[in-house]
Amino acid sequence: MMIKRWFQYLIGLLLLTMGQRMFVEAGFGAGSYDALCVGLSERTMLSAGGWVWLTGLVMILISSLLNRKLSGFLALLTSFIFGIFFDLWGYAFTFFGDIPFRFRVCIYLGGLLLAPLY
């Protein structure tokens, strides 16, 4: 039963990250957190997924300090897995090269369908 739940969880994260990455790749606008991580990755040597994990770590540490208790291991694990999948989809999109406008519209619409599934 537990393996099935973890499998469903990972599939959900895979679909969510694909939808989020589709927003970024379409170039019409993405969520603020995704835009932050992608923007930081363009200016540093760390990938967007690495920034997802690092900013997630910082937010969890701040939350732990404010709540005066150490928590958030599963949230940290989630941000780590999200970062890996986000980079994976970014790598997959590099094979397409420059994407024409009409396909970017389709990618954006696909992101609108996939991202809320999680």
PDB file of N, CA and C in Angstrom:
ATOM      1  N   MET A   1       0.819  -1.194   0.000  1.00  0.00           N
ATOM      2  CA  MET A   1       0.000   0.000   0.000  1.00  0.00           C
ATOM      3  C   MET A   1       0.867   1.265   0.000  1.00  0.00           C
ATOM      4  N   MET A   2       1.938   1.268   0.810  1.00  0.00           N
ATOM      5  CA  MET A   2       2.808   2.438   0.899  1.00  0.00           C
ATOM      6  C   MET A   2       3.556   2.676  -0.416  1.00  0.00           C
ATOM      7  N   ILE A   3       3.968   1.597  -1.082  1.00  0.00           N
ATOM      8  CA  ILE A   3       4.679   1.739  -2.353  1.00  0.00           C
ATOM      9  C   ILE A   3       3.762   2.360  -3.400  1.00  0.00           C
ATOM     10  N   LYS A   4       2.504   1.949  -3.401  1.00  0.00           N
ATOM     11  CA  LYS A   4       1.543   2.508  -4.345  1.00  0.00           C
ATOM     12  C   LYS A   4       1.363   4.013  -4.105  1.00  0.00           C
ATOM     13  N   ARG A   5       1.304   4.424  -2.853  1.00  0.00           N
ATOM     14  CA  ARG A   5       1.137   5.846  -2.533  1.00  0.00           C
ATOM     15  C   ARG A   5       2.355   6.648  -2.974  1.00  0.00           C
ATOM     16  N   TRP A   6       3.548   6.133  -2.757  1.00  0.00           N
ATOM     17  CA  TRP A   6       4.762   6.827  -3.188  1.00  0.00           C
ATOM     18  C   TRP A   6       4.824   6.907  -4.717  1.00  0.00           C
ATOM     19  N   PHE A   7       4.424   5.843  -5.382  1.00  0.00           N
ATOM     20  CA  PHE A   7       4.409   5.842  -6.844  1.00  0.00           C
ATOM     21  C   PHE A   7       3.441   6.910  -7.361  1.00  0.00           C
ATOM     22  N   GLN A   8       2.246   6.984  -6.779  1.00  0.00           N
ATOM     23  CA  GLN A   8       1.277   7.999  -7.177  1.00  0.00           C
ATOM     24  C   GLN A   8       1.809   9.398  -6.900  1.00  0.00           C
ATOM     25  N   TYR A   9       2.479   9.549  -5.780  1.00  0.00           N
ATOM     26  CA  TYR A   9       3.068  10.832  -5.411  1.00  0.00           C
ATOM     27  C   TYR A   9       4.123  11.265  -6.431  1.00  0.00           C
ATOM     28  N   LEU A  10       4.989  10.343  -6.813  1.00  0.00           N
ATOM     29  CA  LEU A  10       6.033  10.666  -7.788  1.00  0.00           C
ATOM     30  C   LEU A  10       5.452  10.957  -9.165  1.00  0.00           C
ATOM     31  N   ILE A  11       4.435  10.224  -9.574  1.00  0.00           N
ATOM     32  CA  ILE A  11       3.775  10.498 -10.855  1.00  0.00           C
ATOM     33  C   ILE A  11       3.124  11.879 -10.819  1.00  0.00           C
ATOM     34  N   GLY A  12       2.503  12.214  -9.696  1.00  0.00           N
ATOM     35  CA  GLY A  12       1.906  13.540  -9.541  1.00  0.00           C
ATOM     36  C   GLY A  12       2.945  14.643  -9.640  1.00  0.00           C
ATOM     37  N   LEU A  13       4.090  14.460  -8.989  1.00  0.00           N
ATOM     38  CA  LEU A  13       5.160  15.450  -9.082  1.00  0.00           C
ATOM     39  C   LEU A  13       5.721  15.541 -10.493  1.00  0.00           C
ATOM     40  N   LEU A  14       5.816  14.416 -11.162  1.00  0.00           N
ATOM     41  CA  LEU A  14       6.300  14.408 -12.538  1.00  0.00           C
ATOM     42  C   LEU A  14       5.371  15.211 -13.450  1.00  0.00           C
ATOM     43  N   LEU A  15       4.069  15.035 -13.289  1.00  0.00           N
ATOM     44  CA  LEU A  15       3.098  15.786 -14.091  1.00  0.00           C
ATOM     45  C   LEU A  15       3.105  17.269 -13.729  1.00  0.00           C
ATOM     46  N   LEU A  16       3.190  17.570 -12.444  1.00  0.00           N
ATOM     47  CA  LEU A  16       3.233  18.963 -12.005  1.00  0.00           C
ATOM     48  C   LEU A  16       4.450  19.677 -12.576  1.00  0.00           C
ATOM     49  N   THR A  17       5.610  19.049 -12.468  1.00  0.00           N
ATOM     50  CA  THR A  17       6.823  19.697 -12.965  1.00  0.00           C
ATOM     51  C   THR A  17       6.806  19.829 -14.477  1.00  0.00           C
ATOM     52  N   MET A  18       6.207  18.877 -15.161  1.00  0.00           N
ATOM     53  CA  MET A  18       6.098  19.011 -16.614  1.00  0.00           C
ATOM     54  C   MET A  18       5.224  20.215 -16.962  1.00  0.00           C
ATOM     55  N   GLY A  19       4.093  20.362 -16.273  1.00  0.00           N
ATOM     56  CA  GLY A  19       3.230  21.515 -16.507  1.00  0.00           C
ATOM     57  C   GLY A  19       3.931  22.825 -16.195  1.00  0.00           C
ATOM     58  N   GLN A  20       4.645  22.874 -15.076  1.00  0.00           N
ATOM     59  CA  GLN A  20       5.356  24.096 -14.698  1.00  0.00           C
ATOM     60  C   GLN A  20       6.455  24.421 -15.709  1.00  0.00           C
ATOM     61  N   ARG A  21       7.148  23.396 -16.157  1.00  0.00           N
ATOM     62  CA  ARG A  21       8.224  23.629 -17.127  1.00  0.00           C
ATOM     63  C   ARG A  21       7.655  24.069 -18.476  1.00  0.00           C
ATOM     64  N   MET A  22       6.467  23.566 -18.817  1.00  0.00           N
ATOM     65  CA  MET A  22       5.824  23.973 -20.067  1.00  0.00           C
ATOM     66  C   MET A  22       5.496  25.462 -20.033  1.00  0.00           C
ATOM     67  N   PHE A  23       5.074  25.972 -18.876  1.00  0.00           N
ATOM     68  CA  PHE A  23       4.833  27.417 -18.744  1.00  0.00           C
ATOM     69  C   PHE A  23       6.114  28.204 -19.021  1.00  0.00           C
ATOM     70  N   VAL A  24       7.206  27.737 -18.438  1.00  0.00           N
ATOM     71  CA  VAL A  24       8.492  28.424 -18.609  1.00  0.00           C
ATOM     72  C   VAL A  24       8.937  28.372 -20.067  1.00  0.00           C
ATOM     73  N   GLU A  25       8.856  27.208 -20.677  1.00  0.00           N
ATOM     74  CA  GLU A  25       9.331  27.039 -22.044  1.00  0.00           C
ATOM     75  C   GLU A  25       8.471  27.786 -23.063  1.00  0.00           C
ATOM     76  N   ALA A  26       7.182  27.935 -22.771  1.00  0.00           N
ATOM     77  CA  ALA A  26       6.315  28.663 -23.694  1.00  0.00           C
ATOM     78  C   ALA A  26       6.700  30.136 -23.748  1.00  0.00           C
ATOM     79  N   GLY A  27       7.173  30.679 -22.653  1.00  0.00           N
ATOM     80  CA  GLY A  27       7.656  32.056 -22.642  1.00  0.00           C
ATOM     81  C   GLY A  27       6.567  33.110 -22.522  1.00  0.00           C
ATOM     82  N   PHE A  28       5.370  32.731 -22.130  1.00  0.00           N
ATOM     83  CA  PHE A  28       4.277  33.693 -21.995  1.00  0.00           C
ATOM     84  C   PHE A  28       4.060  34.114 -20.553  1.00  0.00           C
ATOM     85  N   GLY A  29       4.788  33.554 -19.655  1.00  0.00           N
ATOM     86  CA  GLY A  29       4.637  33.870 -18.244  1.00  0.00           C
ATOM     87  C   GLY A  29       4.566  32.587 -17.442  1.00  0.00           C
ATOM     88  N   ALA A  30       5.168  32.629 -16.293  1.00  0.00           N
ATOM     89  CA  ALA A  30       5.181  31.461 -15.413  1.00  0.00           C
ATOM     90  C   ALA A  30       4.899  31.943 -14.000  1.00  0.00           C
ATOM     91  N   GLY A  31       4.749  31.012 -13.117  1.00  0.00           N
ATOM     92  CA  GLY A  31       4.556  31.361 -11.718  1.00  0.00           C
ATOM     93  C   GLY A  31       5.776  32.097 -11.180  1.00  0.00           C
ATOM     94  N   SER A  32       5.565  32.889 -10.157  1.00  0.00           N
ATOM     95  CA  SER A  32       6.649  33.719  -9.632  1.00  0.00           C
ATOM     96  C   SER A  32       7.817  32.877  -9.112  1.00  0.00           C
ATOM     97  N   TYR A  33       7.517  31.772  -8.466  1.00  0.00           N
ATOM     98  CA  TYR A  33       8.579  30.924  -7.924  1.00  0.00           C
ATOM     99  C   TYR A  33       9.399  30.282  -9.044  1.00  0.00           C
ATOM    100  N   ASP A  34       8.712  29.787 -10.072  1.00  0.00           N
ATOM    101  CA  ASP A  34       9.415  29.202 -11.219  1.00  0.00           C
ATOM    102  C   ASP A  34      10.248  30.259 -11.934  1.00  0.00           C
ATOM    103  N   ALA A  35       9.674  31.436 -12.113  1.00  0.00           N
ATOM    104  CA  ALA A  35      10.394  32.520 -12.784  1.00  0.00           C
ATOM    105  C   ALA A  35      11.632  32.924 -11.982  1.00  0.00           C
ATOM    106  N   LEU A  36      11.496  32.969 -10.663  1.00  0.00           N
ATOM    107  CA  LEU A  36      12.639  33.292  -9.809  1.00  0.00           C
ATOM    108  C   LEU A  36      13.750  32.270  -9.999  1.00  0.00           C
ATOM    109  N   CYS A  37      13.414  30.988  -9.923  1.00  0.00           N
ATOM    110  CA  CYS A  37      14.421  29.927 -10.026  1.00  0.00           C
ATOM    111  C   CYS A  37      15.061  29.886 -11.412  1.00  0.00           C
ATOM    112  N   VAL A  38      14.267  30.074 -12.459  1.00  0.00           N
ATOM    113  CA  VAL A  38      14.823  30.086 -13.813  1.00  0.00           C
ATOM    114  C   VAL A  38      15.705  31.318 -14.006  1.00  0.00           C
ATOM    115  N   GLY A  39      15.256  32.467 -13.513  1.00  0.00           N
ATOM    116  CA  GLY A  39      16.059  33.686 -13.621  1.00  0.00           C
ATOM    117  C   GLY A  39      17.382  33.568 -12.880  1.00  0.00           C
ATOM    118  N   LEU A  40      17.363  33.006 -11.692  1.00  0.00           N
ATOM    119  CA  LEU A  40      18.603  32.803 -10.944  1.00  0.00           C
ATOM    120  C   LEU A  40      19.527  31.830 -11.663  1.00  0.00           C
ATOM    121  N   SER A  41      18.943  30.817 -12.291  1.00  0.00           N
ATOM    122  CA  SER A  41      19.783  29.833 -12.994  1.00  0.00           C
ATOM    123  C   SER A  41      20.452  30.437 -14.223  1.00  0.00           C
ATOM    124  N   GLU A  42      19.801  31.422 -14.836  1.00  0.00           N
ATOM    125  CA  GLU A  42      20.398  32.078 -16.009  1.00  0.00           C
ATOM    126  C   GLU A  42      21.562  32.985 -15.629  1.00  0.00           C
ATOM    127  N   ARG A  43      21.636  33.370 -14.369  1.00  0.00           N
ATOM    128  CA  ARG A  43      22.682  34.288 -13.924  1.00  0.00           C
ATOM    129  C   ARG A  43      23.755  33.620 -13.064  1.00  0.00           C
ATOM    130  N   THR A  44      23.567  32.346 -12.769  1.00  0.00           N
ATOM    131  CA  THR A  44      24.538  31.617 -11.942  1.00  0.00           C
ATOM    132  C   THR A  44      24.847  30.269 -12.587  1.00  0.00           C
ATOM    133  N   MET A  45      25.687  29.530 -11.934  1.00  0.00           N
ATOM    134  CA  MET A  45      26.060  28.202 -12.446  1.00  0.00           C
ATOM    135  C   MET A  45      25.123  27.104 -11.964  1.00  0.00           C
ATOM    136  N   LEU A  46      24.185  27.438 -11.077  1.00  0.00           N
ATOM    137  CA  LEU A  46      23.269  26.454 -10.521  1.00  0.00           C
ATOM    138  C   LEU A  46      22.033  26.341 -11.415  1.00  0.00           C
ATOM    139  N   SER A  47      21.548  25.127 -11.615  1.00  0.00           N
ATOM    140  CA  SER A  47      20.381  24.911 -12.473  1.00  0.00           C
ATOM    141  C   SER A  47      19.113  25.427 -11.786  1.00  0.00           C
ATOM    142  N   ALA A  48      18.032  25.526 -12.569  1.00  0.00           N
ATOM    143  CA  ALA A  48      16.752  25.963 -12.016  1.00  0.00           C
ATOM    144  C   ALA A  48      16.277  24.987 -10.942  1.00  0.00           C
ATOM    145  N   GLY A  49      16.443  23.700 -11.174  1.00  0.00           N
ATOM    146  CA  GLY A  49      16.075  22.708 -10.177  1.00  0.00           C
ATOM    147  C   GLY A  49      16.916  22.821  -8.912  1.00  0.00           C
ATOM    148  N   GLY A  50      18.182  23.162  -9.067  1.00  0.00           N
ATOM    149  CA  GLY A  50      19.041  23.396  -7.907  1.00  0.00           C
ATOM    150  C   GLY A  50      18.561  24.580  -7.093  1.00  0.00           C
ATOM    151  N   TRP A  51      18.107  25.624  -7.787  1.00  0.00           N
ATOM    152  CA  TRP A  51      17.559  26.787  -7.084  1.00  0.00           C
ATOM    153  C   TRP A  51      16.239  26.447  -6.409  1.00  0.00           C
ATOM    154  N   VAL A  52      15.442  25.568  -7.005  1.00  0.00           N
ATOM    155  CA  VAL A  52      14.203  25.126  -6.355  1.00  0.00           C
ATOM    156  C   VAL A  52      14.545  24.483  -5.019  1.00  0.00           C
ATOM    157  N   TRP A  53      15.523  23.602  -5.024  1.00  0.00           N
ATOM    158  CA  TRP A  53      15.901  22.918  -3.796  1.00  0.00           C
ATOM    159  C   TRP A  53      16.510  23.885  -2.789  1.00  0.00           C
ATOM    160  N   LEU A  54      17.411  24.750  -3.243  1.00  0.00           N
ATOM    161  CA  LEU A  54      18.088  25.666  -2.332  1.00  0.00           C
ATOM    162  C   LEU A  54      17.112  26.663  -1.707  1.00  0.00           C
ATOM    163  N   THR A  55      16.236  27.242  -2.496  1.00  0.00           N
ATOM    164  CA  THR A  55      15.258  28.181  -1.936  1.00  0.00           C
ATOM    165  C   THR A  55      14.262  27.454  -1.030  1.00  0.00           C
ATOM    166  N   GLY A  56      13.923  26.221  -1.381  1.00  0.00           N
ATOM    167  CA  GLY A  56      13.069  25.425  -0.510  1.00  0.00           C
ATOM    168  C   GLY A  56      13.734  25.181   0.835  1.00  0.00           C
ATOM    169  N   LEU A  57      15.019  24.876   0.808  1.00  0.00           N
ATOM    170  CA  LEU A  57      15.777  24.674   2.041  1.00  0.00           C
ATOM    171  C   LEU A  57      15.766  25.937   2.894  1.00  0.00           C
ATOM    172  N   VAL A  58      16.006  27.079   2.272  1.00  0.00           N
ATOM    173  CA  VAL A  58      16.019  28.347   3.013  1.00  0.00           C
ATOM    174  C   VAL A  58      14.649  28.625   3.630  1.00  0.00           C
ATOM    175  N   MET A  59      13.582  28.417   2.855  1.00  0.00           N
ATOM    176  CA  MET A  59      12.240  28.663   3.388  1.00  0.00           C
ATOM    177  C   MET A  59      11.906  27.719   4.540  1.00  0.00           C
ATOM    178  N   ILE A  60      12.329  26.471   4.456  1.00  0.00           N
ATOM    179  CA  ILE A  60      12.072  25.508   5.531  1.00  0.00           C
ATOM    180  C   ILE A  60      12.871  25.875   6.782  1.00  0.00           C
ATOM    181  N   LEU A  61      14.114  26.323   6.599  1.00  0.00           N
ATOM    182  CA  LEU A  61      14.915  26.750   7.745  1.00  0.00           C
ATOM    183  C   LEU A  61      14.304  27.977   8.420  1.00  0.00           C
ATOM    184  N   ILE A  62      13.849  28.941   7.631  1.00  0.00           N
ATOM    185  CA  ILE A  62      13.205  30.131   8.199  1.00  0.00           C
ATOM    186  C   ILE A  62      11.938  29.737   8.945  1.00  0.00           C
ATOM    187  N   SER A  63      11.157  28.854   8.349  1.00  0.00           N
ATOM    188  CA  SER A  63       9.934  28.380   9.005  1.00  0.00           C
ATOM    189  C   SER A  63      10.254  27.661  10.310  1.00  0.00           C
ATOM    190  N   SER A  64      11.299  26.869  10.307  1.00  0.00           N
ATOM    191  CA  SER A  64      11.697  26.153  11.527  1.00  0.00           C
ATOM    192  C   SER A  64      12.138  27.128  12.615  1.00  0.00           C
ATOM    193  N   LEU A  65      12.854  28.171  12.223  1.00  0.00           N
ATOM    194  CA  LEU A  65      13.271  29.177  13.206  1.00  0.00           C
ATOM    195  C   LEU A  65      12.072  29.929  13.769  1.00  0.00           C
ATOM    196  N   LEU A  66      11.146  30.289  12.914  1.00  0.00           N
ATOM    197  CA  LEU A  66       9.968  31.027  13.372  1.00  0.00           C
ATOM    198  C   LEU A  66       9.062  30.178  14.257  1.00  0.00           C
ATOM    199  N   ASN A  67       8.952  28.891  13.942  1.00  0.00           N
ATOM    200  CA  ASN A  67       8.113  27.994  14.739  1.00  0.00           C
ATOM    201  C   ASN A  67       8.849  27.383  15.919  1.00  0.00           C
ATOM    202  N   ARG A  68      10.140  27.625  15.983  1.00  0.00           N
ATOM    203  CA  ARG A  68      10.997  27.104  17.061  1.00  0.00           C
ATOM    204  C   ARG A  68      10.964  25.583  17.165  1.00  0.00           C
ATOM    205  N   LYS A  69      10.840  24.935  16.020  1.00  0.00           N
ATOM    206  CA  LYS A  69      10.950  23.481  15.998  1.00  0.00           C
ATOM    207  C   LYS A  69      11.436  23.063  14.610  1.00  0.00           C
ATOM    208  N   LEU A  70      12.239  22.025  14.593  1.00  0.00           N
ATOM    209  CA  LEU A  70      12.787  21.522  13.340  1.00  0.00           C
ATOM    210  C   LEU A  70      11.743  20.649  12.666  1.00  0.00           C
ATOM    211  N   SER A  71      11.333  21.049  11.508  1.00  0.00           N
ATOM    212  CA  SER A  71      10.337  20.277  10.770  1.00  0.00           C
ATOM    213  C   SER A  71      10.572  20.476   9.283  1.00  0.00           C
ATOM    214  N   GLY A  72       9.820  19.759   8.526  1.00  0.00           N
ATOM    215  CA  GLY A  72       9.874  19.978   7.092  1.00  0.00           C
ATOM    216  C   GLY A  72      10.724  19.016   6.298  1.00  0.00           C
ATOM    217  N   PHE A  73      11.063  17.860   6.860  1.00  0.00           N
ATOM    218  CA  PHE A  73      11.880  16.913   6.100  1.00  0.00           C
ATOM    219  C   PHE A  73      11.175  16.491   4.813  1.00  0.00           C
ATOM    220  N   LEU A  74       9.891  16.190   4.900  1.00  0.00           N
ATOM    221  CA  LEU A  74       9.158  15.766   3.700  1.00  0.00           C
ATOM    222  C   LEU A  74       9.019  16.912   2.706  1.00  0.00           C
ATOM    223  N   ALA A  75       8.885  18.124   3.196  1.00  0.00           N
ATOM    224  CA  ALA A  75       8.832  19.283   2.294  1.00  0.00           C
ATOM    225  C   ALA A  75      10.179  19.469   1.592  1.00  0.00           C
ATOM    226  N   LEU A  76      11.257  19.249   2.313  1.00  0.00           N
ATOM    227  CA  LEU A  76      12.584  19.343   1.719  1.00  0.00           C
ATOM    228  C   LEU A  76      12.786  18.245   0.677  1.00  0.00           C
ATOM    229  N   LEU A  77      12.323  17.051   0.990  1.00  0.00           N
ATOM    230  CA  LEU A  77      12.394  15.951   0.033  1.00  0.00           C
ATOM    231  C   LEU A  77      11.578  16.275  -1.219  1.00  0.00           C
ATOM    232  N   THR A  78      10.408  16.857  -1.024  1.00  0.00           N
ATOM    233  CA  THR A  78       9.564  17.230  -2.150  1.00  0.00           C
ATOM    234  C   THR A  78      10.241  18.283  -3.019  1.00  0.00           C
ATOM    235  N   SER A  79      10.850  19.293  -2.412  1.00  0.00           N
ATOM    236  CA  SER A  79      11.515  20.320  -3.216  1.00  0.00           C
ATOM    237  C   SER A  79      12.713  19.740  -3.960  1.00  0.00           C
ATOM    238  N   PHE A  80      13.393  18.773  -3.349  1.00  0.00           N
ATOM    239  CA  PHE A  80      14.520  18.117  -4.014  1.00  0.00           C
ATOM    240  C   PHE A  80      14.041  17.329  -5.234  1.00  0.00           C
ATOM    241  N   ILE A  81      12.990  16.538  -5.064  1.00  0.00           N
ATOM    242  CA  ILE A  81      12.441  15.749  -6.179  1.00  0.00           C
ATOM    243  C   ILE A  81      11.877  16.679  -7.246  1.00  0.00           C
ATOM    244  N   PHE A  82      11.174  17.744  -6.819  1.00  0.00           N
ATOM    245  CA  PHE A  82      10.636  18.725  -7.763  1.00  0.00           C
ATOM    246  C   PHE A  82      11.772  19.324  -8.590  1.00  0.00           C
ATOM    247  N   GLY A  83      12.872  19.674  -7.936  1.00  0.00           N
ATOM    248  CA  GLY A  83      14.013  20.250  -8.640  1.00  0.00           C
ATOM    249  C   GLY A  83      14.601  19.297  -9.667  1.00  0.00           C
ATOM    250  N   ILE A  84      14.719  18.035  -9.311  1.00  0.00           N
ATOM    251  CA  ILE A  84      15.251  17.041 -10.250  1.00  0.00           C
ATOM    252  C   ILE A  84      14.330  16.920 -11.467  1.00  0.00           C
ATOM    253  N   PHE A  85      13.030  16.776 -11.215  1.00  0.00           N
ATOM    254  CA  PHE A  85      12.075  16.643 -12.321  1.00  0.00           C
ATOM    255  C   PHE A  85      12.014  17.914 -13.163  1.00  0.00           C
ATOM    256  N   PHE A  86      12.101  19.085 -12.527  1.00  0.00           N
ATOM    257  CA  PHE A  86      12.063  20.360 -13.248  1.00  0.00           C
ATOM    258  C   PHE A  86      13.256  20.455 -14.200  1.00  0.00           C
ATOM    259  N   ASP A  87      14.427  20.060 -13.733  1.00  0.00           N
ATOM    260  CA  ASP A  87      15.613  20.042 -14.598  1.00  0.00           C
ATOM    261  C   ASP A  87      15.495  18.988 -15.687  1.00  0.00           C
ATOM    262  N   LEU A  88      14.920  17.849 -15.358  1.00  0.00           N
ATOM    263  CA  LEU A  88      14.729  16.784 -16.339  1.00  0.00           C
ATOM    264  C   LEU A  88      13.883  17.277 -17.511  1.00  0.00           C
ATOM    265  N   TRP A  89      12.760  17.941 -17.212  1.00  0.00           N
ATOM    266  CA  TRP A  89      11.903  18.455 -18.283  1.00  0.00           C
ATOM    267  C   TRP A  89      12.597  19.590 -19.038  1.00  0.00           C
ATOM    268  N   GLY A  90      13.378  20.394 -18.342  1.00  0.00           N
ATOM    269  CA  GLY A  90      14.140  21.449 -19.032  1.00  0.00           C
ATOM    270  C   GLY A  90      15.128  20.854 -20.019  1.00  0.00           C
ATOM    271  N   TYR A  91      15.777  19.776 -19.613  1.00  0.00           N
ATOM    272  CA  TYR A  91      16.700  19.089 -20.505  1.00  0.00           C
ATOM    273  C   TYR A  91      15.950  18.504 -21.700  1.00  0.00           C
ATOM    274  N   ALA A  92      14.770  17.950 -21.469  1.00  0.00           N
ATOM    275  CA  ALA A  92      13.982  17.363 -22.561  1.00  0.00           C
ATOM    276  C   ALA A  92      13.583  18.434 -23.572  1.00  0.00           C
ATOM    277  N   PHE A  93      13.273  19.620 -23.118  1.00  0.00           N
ATOM    278  CA  PHE A  93      12.869  20.686 -24.035  1.00  0.00           C
ATOM    279  C   PHE A  93      14.034  21.248 -24.849  1.00  0.00           C
ATOM    280  N   THR A  94      15.273  21.001 -24.431  1.00  0.00           N
ATOM    281  CA  THR A  94      16.407  21.503 -25.204  1.00  0.00           C
ATOM    282  C   THR A  94      16.524  20.804 -26.555  1.00  0.00           C
ATOM    283  N   PHE A  95      15.931  19.632 -26.693  1.00  0.00           N
ATOM    284  CA  PHE A  95      15.994  18.913 -27.959  1.00  0.00           C
ATOM    285  C   PHE A  95      15.150  19.574 -29.046  1.00  0.00           C
ATOM    286  N   PHE A  96      14.199  20.424 -28.666  1.00  0.00           N
ATOM    287  CA  PHE A  96      13.324  21.067 -29.635  1.00  0.00           C
ATOM    288  C   PHE A  96      13.919  22.330 -30.236  1.00  0.00           C
ATOM    289  N   GLY A  97      14.945  22.878 -29.621  1.00  0.00           N
ATOM    290  CA  GLY A  97      15.557  24.097 -30.127  1.00  0.00           C
ATOM    291  C   GLY A  97      14.609  25.277 -30.034  1.00  0.00           C
ATOM    292  N   ASP A  98      14.633  26.133 -31.060  1.00  0.00           N
ATOM    293  CA  ASP A  98      13.761  27.308 -31.091  1.00  0.00           C
ATOM    294  C   ASP A  98      12.345  26.860 -31.470  1.00  0.00           C
ATOM    295  N   ILE A  99      11.386  27.113 -30.610  1.00  0.00           N
ATOM    296  CA  ILE A  99      10.019  26.634 -30.806  1.00  0.00           C
ATOM    297  C   ILE A  99       9.178  27.737 -31.435  1.00  0.00           C
ATOM    298  N   PRO A 100       8.528  27.458 -32.566  1.00  0.00           N
ATOM    299  CA  PRO A 100       7.674  28.471 -33.210  1.00  0.00           C
ATOM    300  C   PRO A 100       6.503  28.892 -32.306  1.00  0.00           C
ATOM    301  N   PHE A 101       5.966  30.077 -32.583  1.00  0.00           N
ATOM    302  CA  PHE A 101       4.916  30.672 -31.753  1.00  0.00           C
ATOM    303  C   PHE A 101       3.718  29.752 -31.576  1.00  0.00           C
ATOM    304  N   ARG A 102       3.225  29.163 -32.641  1.00  0.00           N
ATOM    305  CA  ARG A 102       2.009  28.337 -32.543  1.00  0.00           C
ATOM    306  C   ARG A 102       2.228  27.110 -31.653  1.00  0.00           C
ATOM    307  N   PHE A 103       3.439  26.564 -31.662  1.00  0.00           N
ATOM    308  CA  PHE A 103       3.729  25.432 -30.790  1.00  0.00           C
ATOM    309  C   PHE A 103       3.908  25.878 -29.341  1.00  0.00           C
ATOM    310  N   ARG A 104       4.429  27.097 -29.164  1.00  0.00           N
ATOM    311  CA  ARG A 104       4.547  27.627 -27.801  1.00  0.00           C
ATOM    312  C   ARG A 104       3.167  27.834 -27.183  1.00  0.00           C
ATOM    313  N   VAL A 105       2.195  28.237 -28.007  1.00  0.00           N
ATOM    314  CA  VAL A 105       0.817  28.365 -27.526  1.00  0.00           C
ATOM    315  C   VAL A 105       0.296  27.000 -27.104  1.00  0.00           C
ATOM    316  N   CYS A 106       0.564  25.980 -27.892  1.00  0.00           N
ATOM    317  CA  CYS A 106       0.136  24.618 -27.548  1.00  0.00           C
ATOM    318  C   CYS A 106       0.827  24.130 -26.273  1.00  0.00           C
ATOM    319  N   ILE A 107       2.093  24.453 -26.124  1.00  0.00           N
ATOM    320  CA  ILE A 107       2.826  24.059 -24.922  1.00  0.00           C
ATOM    321  C   ILE A 107       2.228  24.740 -23.700  1.00  0.00           C
ATOM    322  N   TYR A 108       1.900  26.019 -23.827  1.00  0.00           N
ATOM    323  CA  TYR A 108       1.308  26.746 -22.706  1.00  0.00           C
ATOM    324  C   TYR A 108      -0.045  26.146 -22.327  1.00  0.00           C
ATOM    325  N   LEU A 109      -0.850  25.842 -23.330  1.00  0.00           N
ATOM    326  CA  LEU A 109      -2.161  25.231 -23.054  1.00  0.00           C
ATOM    327  C   LEU A 109      -2.000  23.848 -22.419  1.00  0.00           C
ATOM    328  N   GLY A 110      -1.000  23.109 -22.868  1.00  0.00           N
ATOM    329  CA  GLY A 110      -0.707  21.819 -22.243  1.00  0.00           C
ATOM    330  C   GLY A 110      -0.317  21.981 -20.791  1.00  0.00           C
ATOM    331  N   GLY A 111       0.444  23.031 -20.492  1.00  0.00           N
ATOM    332  CA  GLY A 111       0.813  23.319 -19.101  1.00  0.00           C
ATOM    333  C   GLY A 111      -0.411  23.648 -18.263  1.00  0.00           C
ATOM    334  N   LEU A 112      -1.360  24.359 -18.877  1.00  0.00           N
ATOM    335  CA  LEU A 112      -2.600  24.667 -18.152  1.00  0.00           C
ATOM    336  C   LEU A 112      -3.388  23.413 -17.812  1.00  0.00           C
ATOM    337  N   LEU A 113      -3.270  22.401 -18.638  1.00  0.00           N
ATOM    338  CA  LEU A 113      -3.967  21.143 -18.377  1.00  0.00           C
ATOM    339  C   LEU A 113      -3.211  20.254 -17.381  1.00  0.00           C
ATOM    340  N   LEU A 114      -1.894  20.248 -17.468  1.00  0.00           N
ATOM    341  CA  LEU A 114      -1.105  19.331 -16.629  1.00  0.00           C
ATOM    342  C   LEU A 114      -0.851  19.824 -15.211  1.00  0.00           C
ATOM    343  N   ALA A 115      -0.513  21.084 -15.064  1.00  0.00           N
ATOM    344  CA  ALA A 115      -0.096  21.586 -13.747  1.00  0.00           C
ATOM    345  C   ALA A 115      -1.161  21.409 -12.665  1.00  0.00           C
ATOM    346  N   PRO A 116      -2.435  21.637 -12.943  1.00  0.00           N
ATOM    347  CA  PRO A 116      -3.429  21.470 -11.869  1.00  0.00           C
ATOM    348  C   PRO A 116      -3.736  20.018 -11.508  1.00  0.00           C
ATOM    349  N   LEU A 117      -3.255  19.052 -12.269  1.00  0.00           N
ATOM    350  CA  LEU A 117      -3.564  17.651 -11.984  1.00  0.00           C
ATOM    351  C   LEU A 117      -3.007  17.196 -10.653  1.00  0.00           C
ATOM    352  N   TYR A 118      -1.961  17.814 -10.206  1.00  0.00           N
ATOM    353  CA  TYR A 118      -1.310  17.399  -8.964  1.00  0.00           C
ATOM    354  C   TYR A 118      -2.219  17.694  -7.804  1.00  0.00           C
TER     355      TYR A 118
END
